[in-house]
């Protein structure tokens, strides 16, 4: 713990020092959130920072790199006030960076007051009774879950089914959080703990999710997802009636004339641009930082939800990149094995190693340092 805290302080001090040199008016605040705030620390924990900047000159404070001695990736990215203002509207439940960050550096008291005003505005929203407008916000997430359920239901391709299931579960969890006027504070690895603490949800909600992601066959996973969504819809119907809503939730139960594309048939790959250093720089390091160690932690702790949702996020990032840039075909979901999470983690590693080929093709090197001191030295010189 002491070693990790010393490492973290070196990173924070380096950001402050660099800001004073390259953008002295831009850095407003630095806050710590994530595992070092919640206490979910382990040997491979990276540091999650709110690096709040006042203007565009502050973007140069960001960095993504791998620390070799700990085999940990760090994704130091900046946030501007506009992004925090958007979070303060409470249109989604992933606002812990805004609400929970423990401030460790403040350039001026006025910035802390500004942050506290945003936090207070959210607290007022969360403390107020559920309104029809709140209900409509949560309902949009349920509608998204139905959309992806249909993709999973009508797909024959296993990876496409899992992609649909993962997206549907993501939106269902968000829908329930919004219906309860809550936000996620503890991260993906403790999502069940937070969901179980919410009142307005189906009975055995997390058990139903677990049944889907641990299903031995694709057909069983599809059946489990359909049942999970129907159970969640019943809760929404009940809350809608209580609010006197005239919107018929039954509408989202009906099959729509949606075209389901298999294997990216909807994507015109001839329109994609050749991958460049500008396009791909930092993407490998970000993938490593965000999910690599989570996959092995999931295997060590038997956390199927953490493994599956990490793979879903990894797959989404690869898809986003491949939709715009000409890179190889990657299918990380094909390696998902709920009965063997270690094999799943190894399959993730294999895909990550394959992605390195994209770096090699364009002459891009991994941003990697032997230890945190080596990073700090280079960071302060750039």
Protein backbone atom coordinates (compact mmCIF):
# COMPACT_ATOMS: atom_id res chain seq x y z
CA UNK A 1 0.00 0.00 0.00
CA UNK A 2 2.78 2.44 0.91
CA UNK A 3 4.57 1.72 -2.38
CA UNK A 4 1.39 2.35 -4.39
CA UNK A 5 0.67 5.57 -2.52
CA UNK A 6 4.22 6.78 -3.20
CA UNK A 7 3.77 5.94 -6.88
CA UNK A 8 0.48 7.82 -6.99
CA UNK A 9 1.96 10.88 -5.35
CA UNK A 10 4.79 10.96 -7.90
CA UNK A 11 2.22 10.97 -10.70
CA UNK A 12 0.18 13.75 -9.08
CA UNK A 13 3.26 15.85 -8.35
CA UNK A 14 4.45 15.43 -11.95
CA UNK A 15 1.12 16.69 -13.33
CA UNK A 16 1.23 19.76 -11.07
CA UNK A 17 4.86 20.49 -11.97
CA UNK A 18 4.24 20.14 -15.70
CA UNK A 19 1.11 22.28 -15.55
CA UNK A 20 3.03 25.14 -13.93
CA UNK A 21 5.46 25.05 -16.85
CA UNK A 22 3.29 24.42 -19.92
CA UNK A 23 -0.20 25.63 -18.97
CA UNK A 24 -0.06 27.56 -15.69
CA UNK A 25 -3.64 28.87 -15.91
CA UNK A 26 -5.28 25.66 -17.10
CA UNK A 27 -5.04 23.13 -14.27
CA UNK A 28 -7.90 23.77 -11.85
CA UNK A 29 -8.14 20.64 -9.71
CA UNK A 30 -6.86 17.12 -9.31
CA UNK A 31 -9.02 14.53 -7.58
CA UNK A 32 -8.67 10.83 -6.84
CA UNK A 33 -11.54 8.45 -7.53
CA UNK A 34 -11.89 4.74 -8.32
CA UNK A 35 -10.24 1.99 -6.29
CA UNK A 36 -7.96 4.32 -4.31
CA UNK A 37 -11.06 6.10 -3.08
CA UNK A 38 -13.32 3.09 -2.52
CA UNK A 39 -10.60 0.95 -0.92
CA UNK A 40 -10.73 -1.79 -3.59
CA UNK A 41 -6.98 -1.73 -3.96
CA UNK A 42 -4.85 -4.65 -5.09
CA UNK A 43 -1.33 -5.02 -6.46
CA UNK A 44 -2.33 -4.12 -10.02
CA UNK A 45 -4.51 -1.11 -9.18
CA UNK A 46 -3.97 1.90 -11.40
CA UNK A 47 -4.65 5.48 -10.37
CA UNK A 48 -7.92 7.10 -11.48
CA UNK A 49 -7.62 10.88 -11.52
CA UNK A 50 -9.94 13.78 -12.17
CA UNK A 51 -7.58 16.19 -13.93
CA UNK A 52 -9.84 19.19 -14.35
CA UNK A 53 -8.70 21.81 -16.86
CA UNK A 54 -9.93 25.32 -17.66
CA UNK A 55 -8.95 25.52 -21.33
CA UNK A 56 -7.59 23.53 -24.26
CA UNK A 57 -3.97 24.09 -23.32
CA UNK A 58 -4.49 21.65 -20.45
CA UNK A 59 -5.05 18.64 -22.73
CA UNK A 60 -1.27 18.23 -22.99
CA UNK A 61 -1.25 17.08 -19.35
CA UNK A 62 -2.81 13.78 -20.39
CA UNK A 63 -0.76 10.64 -20.93
CA UNK A 64 -1.35 6.93 -21.40
CA UNK A 65 1.48 4.53 -20.61
CA UNK A 66 2.48 1.14 -19.24
CA UNK A 67 4.64 0.77 -16.14
CA UNK A 68 6.71 -2.38 -16.66
CA UNK A 69 7.86 -3.12 -13.12
CA UNK A 70 4.24 -3.44 -11.92
CA UNK A 71 2.72 -4.43 -15.29
CA UNK A 72 0.12 -1.72 -14.80
CA UNK A 73 -1.29 0.62 -17.40
CA UNK A 74 -2.08 4.23 -16.53
CA UNK A 75 -4.61 6.33 -18.43
CA UNK A 76 -4.19 9.93 -17.31
CA UNK A 77 -6.85 11.86 -19.18
CA UNK A 78 -8.15 15.36 -18.64
CA UNK A 79 -11.70 16.55 -18.06
CA UNK A 80 -13.03 20.03 -18.79
CA UNK A 81 -15.79 21.94 -17.07
CA UNK A 82 -18.24 21.33 -19.91
CA UNK A 83 -17.96 17.59 -19.39
CA UNK A 84 -18.64 17.96 -15.67
CA UNK A 85 -21.62 20.21 -16.40
CA UNK A 86 -23.02 17.50 -18.66
CA UNK A 87 -22.54 14.93 -15.88
CA UNK A 88 -24.33 17.25 -13.46
CA UNK A 89 -27.49 17.01 -15.59
CA UNK A 90 -27.77 13.41 -14.35
CA UNK A 91 -28.68 11.88 -17.68
CA UNK A 92 -26.63 8.78 -16.86
CA UNK A 93 -25.58 7.02 -13.64
CA UNK A 94 -21.81 7.00 -14.23
CA UNK A 95 -20.93 10.24 -12.48
CA UNK A 96 -18.70 9.11 -9.61
CA UNK A 97 -15.80 11.12 -11.03
CA UNK A 98 -17.85 14.29 -10.50
CA UNK A 99 -19.48 13.33 -7.23
CA UNK A 100 -16.88 11.36 -5.30
CA UNK A 101 -13.41 12.54 -6.30
CA UNK A 102 -11.26 13.39 -3.28
CA UNK A 103 -9.52 16.64 -4.16
CA UNK A 104 -5.76 16.48 -3.65
CA UNK A 105 -4.79 19.66 -5.46
CA UNK A 106 -6.64 22.94 -6.00
CA UNK A 107 -5.13 25.87 -7.89
CA UNK A 108 -7.66 28.32 -6.49
CA UNK A 109 -10.50 28.13 -3.96
CA UNK A 110 -12.94 29.36 -6.61
CA UNK A 111 -12.53 26.12 -8.55
CA UNK A 112 -13.42 24.02 -5.53
CA UNK A 113 -16.50 26.19 -4.94
CA UNK A 114 -17.50 25.74 -8.58
CA UNK A 115 -17.13 21.97 -8.27
CA UNK A 116 -19.14 21.90 -5.04
CA UNK A 117 -21.93 23.87 -6.72
CA UNK A 118 -22.16 21.21 -9.44
CA UNK A 119 -22.20 18.47 -6.83
CA UNK A 120 -24.93 20.20 -4.84
CA UNK A 121 -27.08 20.51 -7.96
CA UNK A 122 -26.83 16.75 -8.48
CA UNK A 123 -27.57 16.00 -4.82
CA UNK A 124 -30.75 18.05 -5.07
CA UNK A 125 -31.83 16.09 -8.14
CA UNK A 126 -31.13 12.76 -6.45
CA UNK A 127 -32.90 13.74 -3.22
CA UNK A 128 -36.12 14.79 -4.96
CA UNK A 129 -38.92 12.21 -5.52
CA UNK A 130 -39.01 10.41 -8.86
CA UNK A 131 -40.79 12.57 -11.43
CA UNK A 132 -42.25 11.78 -14.84
CA UNK A 133 -39.17 13.37 -16.39
CA UNK A 134 -36.89 11.13 -14.30
CA UNK A 135 -38.95 8.14 -15.35
CA UNK A 136 -38.60 9.04 -19.02
CA UNK A 137 -34.82 9.24 -18.65
CA UNK A 138 -34.68 5.75 -17.15
CA UNK A 139 -37.14 4.41 -19.73
CA UNK A 140 -34.78 5.39 -22.54
CA UNK A 141 -32.21 2.98 -21.13
CA UNK A 142 -34.78 0.20 -21.01
CA UNK A 143 -35.66 0.88 -24.64
CA UNK A 144 -31.98 0.59 -25.56
CA UNK A 145 -31.83 -2.73 -23.73
CA UNK A 146 -34.72 -3.98 -25.87
CA UNK A 147 -32.95 -2.88 -29.03
CA UNK A 148 -29.86 -4.92 -28.17
CA UNK A 149 -31.94 -7.83 -26.94
CA UNK A 150 -33.46 -8.02 -30.43
CA UNK A 151 -30.00 -8.02 -31.98
CA UNK A 152 -29.00 -10.91 -29.71
CA UNK A 153 -32.26 -12.75 -30.30
CA UNK A 154 -32.12 -12.62 -34.10
CA UNK A 155 -28.38 -13.19 -34.57
CA UNK A 156 -26.88 -16.54 -35.47
CA UNK A 157 -23.29 -15.37 -34.96
CA UNK A 158 -22.17 -16.18 -31.40
CA UNK A 159 -20.02 -13.06 -31.03
CA UNK A 160 -22.91 -10.88 -32.24
CA UNK A 161 -25.22 -12.55 -29.73
CA UNK A 162 -22.80 -11.89 -26.88
CA UNK A 163 -22.31 -8.32 -28.05
CA UNK A 164 -26.07 -7.76 -27.95
CA UNK A 165 -26.40 -9.43 -24.56
CA UNK A 166 -23.59 -7.34 -23.08
CA UNK A 167 -25.04 -4.07 -24.36
CA UNK A 168 -28.52 -5.05 -23.15
CA UNK A 169 -27.23 -5.81 -19.65
CA UNK A 170 -25.31 -2.52 -19.58
CA UNK A 171 -28.45 -0.56 -20.42
CA UNK A 172 -30.61 -2.58 -18.03
CA UNK A 173 -28.25 -1.83 -15.14
CA UNK A 174 -28.29 1.85 -16.06
CA UNK A 175 -32.07 1.82 -16.36
CA UNK A 176 -32.46 0.40 -12.85
CA UNK A 177 -29.96 2.88 -11.39
CA UNK A 178 -31.77 5.80 -13.01
CA UNK A 179 -35.17 4.53 -11.87
CA UNK A 180 -33.80 4.49 -8.31
CA UNK A 181 -32.12 7.89 -8.77
CA UNK A 182 -28.74 6.44 -7.89
CA UNK A 183 -25.32 6.47 -9.50
CA UNK A 184 -22.57 3.85 -9.54
CA UNK A 185 -19.77 4.54 -7.08
CA UNK A 186 -17.90 1.24 -6.74
CA UNK A 187 -16.99 0.24 -10.31
CA UNK A 188 -17.84 -2.80 -12.40
CA UNK A 189 -16.30 -5.31 -10.02
CA UNK A 190 -18.81 -4.35 -7.30
CA UNK A 191 -21.79 -3.61 -9.53
CA UNK A 192 -23.90 -6.38 -7.98
CA UNK A 193 -23.35 -4.95 -4.52
CA UNK A 194 -24.71 -1.59 -5.60
CA UNK A 195 -27.58 -3.01 -7.64
CA UNK A 196 -28.66 -5.24 -4.76
CA UNK A 197 -28.96 -2.12 -2.62
CA UNK A 198 -31.54 -0.54 -4.95
CA UNK A 199 -35.21 -0.90 -4.11
CA UNK A 200 -36.91 -0.66 -7.50
CA UNK A 201 -35.68 -3.70 -9.35
CA UNK A 202 -36.83 -7.25 -10.14
CA UNK A 203 -36.49 -9.87 -7.43
CA UNK A 204 -33.11 -11.59 -7.72
CA UNK A 205 -32.07 -9.04 -10.35
CA UNK A 206 -28.34 -9.76 -10.09
CA UNK A 207 -28.93 -13.52 -10.00
CA UNK A 208 -30.86 -13.18 -13.26
CA UNK A 209 -27.98 -11.24 -14.82
CA UNK A 210 -25.52 -13.85 -13.62
CA UNK A 211 -27.65 -16.61 -15.11
CA UNK A 212 -27.44 -14.91 -18.51
CA UNK A 213 -23.70 -14.28 -18.56
CA UNK A 214 -22.90 -17.73 -17.12
CA UNK A 215 -25.22 -19.66 -19.43
CA UNK A 216 -23.49 -22.71 -20.96
CA UNK A 217 -25.10 -22.18 -24.36
CA UNK A 218 -26.03 -19.20 -26.51
CA UNK A 219 -29.68 -20.25 -26.65
CA UNK A 220 -29.88 -20.40 -22.86
CA UNK A 221 -28.27 -16.97 -22.65
CA UNK A 222 -30.87 -15.58 -25.07
CA UNK A 223 -33.73 -17.10 -23.07
CA UNK A 224 -32.30 -15.75 -19.83
CA UNK A 225 -31.94 -12.25 -21.28
CA UNK A 226 -35.53 -12.20 -22.55
CA UNK A 227 -36.80 -13.23 -19.10
CA UNK A 228 -34.57 -10.63 -17.41
CA UNK A 229 -35.92 -7.84 -19.60
CA UNK A 230 -39.52 -8.87 -19.08
CA UNK A 231 -39.03 -8.90 -15.30
CA UNK A 232 -37.44 -5.45 -15.46
CA UNK A 233 -40.26 -4.16 -17.65
CA UNK A 234 -42.79 -5.17 -15.00
CA UNK A 235 -41.05 -2.86 -12.52
CA UNK A 236 -41.23 -0.02 -15.04
CA UNK A 237 -44.91 -0.66 -15.68
CA UNK A 238 -45.58 -0.50 -11.94
CA UNK A 239 -43.66 2.75 -11.51
CA UNK A 240 -45.28 4.25 -14.61
CA UNK A 241 -48.76 3.58 -13.24
CA UNK A 242 -47.80 5.13 -9.90
CA UNK A 243 -46.72 8.29 -11.72
CA UNK A 244 -49.86 8.35 -13.84
CA UNK A 245 -47.87 7.93 -17.00
CA UNK A 246 -49.94 7.47 -20.14
CA UNK A 247 -46.94 6.14 -22.08
CA UNK A 248 -47.55 2.47 -22.83
CA UNK A 249 -44.44 0.52 -21.91
CA UNK A 250 -45.96 -2.36 -23.88
CA UNK A 251 -44.82 -0.54 -27.03
CA UNK A 252 -41.22 -1.47 -26.39
CA UNK A 253 -42.19 -5.12 -25.95
CA UNK A 254 -43.35 -5.37 -29.55
CA UNK A 255 -41.04 -6.48 -32.30
CA UNK A 256 -40.04 -3.61 -34.56
CA UNK A 257 -38.99 -3.73 -38.18
CA UNK A 258 -35.30 -3.49 -37.36
CA UNK A 259 -32.68 -4.78 -39.77
CA UNK A 260 -30.13 -6.96 -38.00
CA UNK A 261 -26.73 -6.86 -39.68
CA UNK A 262 -24.40 -9.79 -39.23
CA UNK A 263 -20.63 -9.48 -39.16
CA UNK A 264 -20.64 -5.73 -39.80
CA UNK A 265 -22.49 -6.08 -43.12
CA UNK A 266 -23.83 -2.56 -42.59
CA UNK A 267 -20.32 -1.11 -42.59
CA UNK A 268 -18.87 -0.01 -45.90
CA UNK A 269 -15.24 -0.83 -45.25
CA UNK A 270 -14.16 0.88 -48.47
CA UNK A 271 -14.97 4.18 -46.76
CA UNK A 272 -12.56 3.57 -43.91
CA UNK A 273 -9.32 5.51 -43.74
CA UNK A 274 -5.85 4.03 -43.50
CA UNK A 275 -4.74 3.81 -39.88
CA UNK A 276 -2.27 6.48 -38.81
CA UNK A 277 -0.14 7.17 -35.75
CA UNK A 278 -2.54 9.99 -34.86
CA UNK A 279 -5.51 7.61 -35.03
CA UNK A 280 -4.11 4.72 -33.00
CA UNK A 281 -1.61 6.34 -30.64
CA UNK A 282 -2.42 5.42 -27.05
CA UNK A 283 -5.17 2.91 -27.91
CA UNK A 284 -3.17 -0.18 -26.95
CA UNK A 285 -2.07 1.42 -23.69
CA UNK A 286 -5.66 2.44 -22.95
CA UNK A 287 -6.92 -1.10 -23.55
CA UNK A 288 -4.18 -2.49 -21.33
CA UNK A 289 -4.92 0.05 -18.60
CA UNK A 290 -8.69 -0.32 -18.65
CA UNK A 291 -9.18 -4.06 -18.88
CA UNK A 292 -6.08 -6.27 -18.88
CA UNK A 293 -5.62 -6.58 -15.13
CA UNK A 294 -9.38 -6.58 -14.55
CA UNK A 295 -9.60 -9.75 -16.63
CA UNK A 296 -7.09 -11.57 -14.41
CA UNK A 297 -8.65 -10.16 -11.24
CA UNK A 298 -11.99 -11.52 -12.44
CA UNK A 299 -10.41 -14.94 -12.93
CA UNK A 300 -8.79 -14.89 -9.49
CA UNK A 301 -12.03 -13.88 -7.75
CA UNK A 302 -14.49 -15.81 -9.92
CA UNK A 303 -16.22 -12.57 -10.97
CA UNK A 304 -18.01 -13.48 -14.20
CA UNK A 305 -19.72 -10.09 -14.40
CA UNK A 306 -16.40 -8.24 -14.29
CA UNK A 307 -14.89 -10.52 -16.94
CA UNK A 308 -17.87 -10.34 -19.29
CA UNK A 309 -18.50 -6.61 -19.05
CA UNK A 310 -14.77 -5.87 -19.44
CA UNK A 311 -14.75 -7.94 -22.63
CA UNK A 312 -17.86 -6.11 -23.84
CA UNK A 313 -16.14 -2.75 -23.32
CA UNK A 314 -12.94 -4.02 -25.00
CA UNK A 315 -14.96 -5.25 -27.96
CA UNK A 316 -16.80 -1.91 -28.19
CA UNK A 317 -13.53 0.02 -28.37
CA UNK A 318 -12.14 -2.25 -31.08
CA UNK A 319 -15.38 -1.90 -33.03
CA UNK A 320 -15.31 1.88 -32.74
CA UNK A 321 -11.75 1.98 -34.08
CA UNK A 322 -12.41 -0.51 -36.91
CA UNK A 323 -15.52 1.37 -38.05
CA UNK A 324 -13.35 4.36 -38.95
CA UNK A 325 -9.88 2.96 -39.61
CA UNK A 326 -8.64 0.02 -41.65
CA UNK A 327 -7.37 -2.45 -39.09
CA UNK A 328 -7.63 -6.22 -38.80
CA UNK A 329 -10.70 -8.15 -37.70
CA UNK A 330 -10.81 -8.76 -33.95
CA UNK A 331 -13.30 -10.91 -32.10
CA UNK A 332 -12.46 -10.86 -28.37
CA UNK A 333 -15.90 -12.17 -27.42
CA UNK A 334 -15.14 -15.50 -29.09
CA UNK A 335 -12.78 -16.22 -26.19
CA UNK A 336 -15.41 -15.77 -23.49
CA UNK A 337 -15.80 -18.94 -21.44
CA UNK A 338 -17.89 -18.49 -18.27
CA UNK A 339 -16.74 -21.90 -17.06
CA UNK A 340 -13.04 -20.93 -17.29
CA UNK A 341 -12.31 -17.27 -16.55
CA UNK A 342 -8.54 -17.87 -16.68
CA UNK A 343 -8.90 -19.09 -20.27
CA UNK A 344 -11.05 -16.03 -20.93
CA UNK A 345 -8.32 -13.74 -19.56
CA UNK A 346 -5.70 -15.49 -21.70
CA UNK A 347 -7.90 -15.08 -24.77
CA UNK A 348 -8.14 -11.37 -23.97
CA UNK A 349 -4.34 -11.22 -23.75
CA UNK A 350 -4.02 -12.95 -27.12
CA UNK A 351 -6.31 -10.42 -28.78
CA UNK A 352 -4.40 -7.56 -27.15
CA UNK A 353 -1.12 -8.99 -28.47
CA UNK A 354 -2.62 -9.35 -31.94
CA UNK A 355 -3.63 -5.69 -31.83
CA UNK A 356 0.04 -4.77 -31.40
CA UNK A 357 0.44 -5.69 -35.07
CA UNK A 358 -1.50 -2.51 -35.88
CA UNK A 359 1.19 -0.52 -34.08
CA UNK A 360 3.95 -2.34 -35.95
CA UNK A 361 2.33 -1.64 -39.33
CA UNK A 362 2.49 2.11 -38.82
CA UNK A 363 5.78 2.21 -36.89
CA UNK A 364 4.18 3.09 -33.58
CA UNK A 365 5.94 2.11 -30.35
CA UNK A 366 4.24 1.30 -27.05
CA UNK A 367 4.55 4.11 -24.52
CA UNK A 368 6.25 2.00 -21.88
CA UNK A 369 8.53 2.79 -18.93
CA UNK A 370 10.60 0.56 -16.67
CA UNK A 371 9.24 2.27 -13.54
CA UNK A 372 7.33 5.35 -12.44
CA UNK A 373 10.49 7.43 -12.07
CA UNK A 374 11.35 6.83 -15.72
CA UNK A 375 7.87 7.99 -16.71
CA UNK A 376 8.08 11.13 -14.58
CA UNK A 377 11.45 12.07 -16.05
CA UNK A 378 10.18 11.78 -19.63
CA UNK A 379 6.79 13.36 -18.85
CA UNK A 380 8.38 16.47 -17.36
CA UNK A 381 10.68 16.90 -20.34
CA UNK A 382 7.90 16.76 -22.94
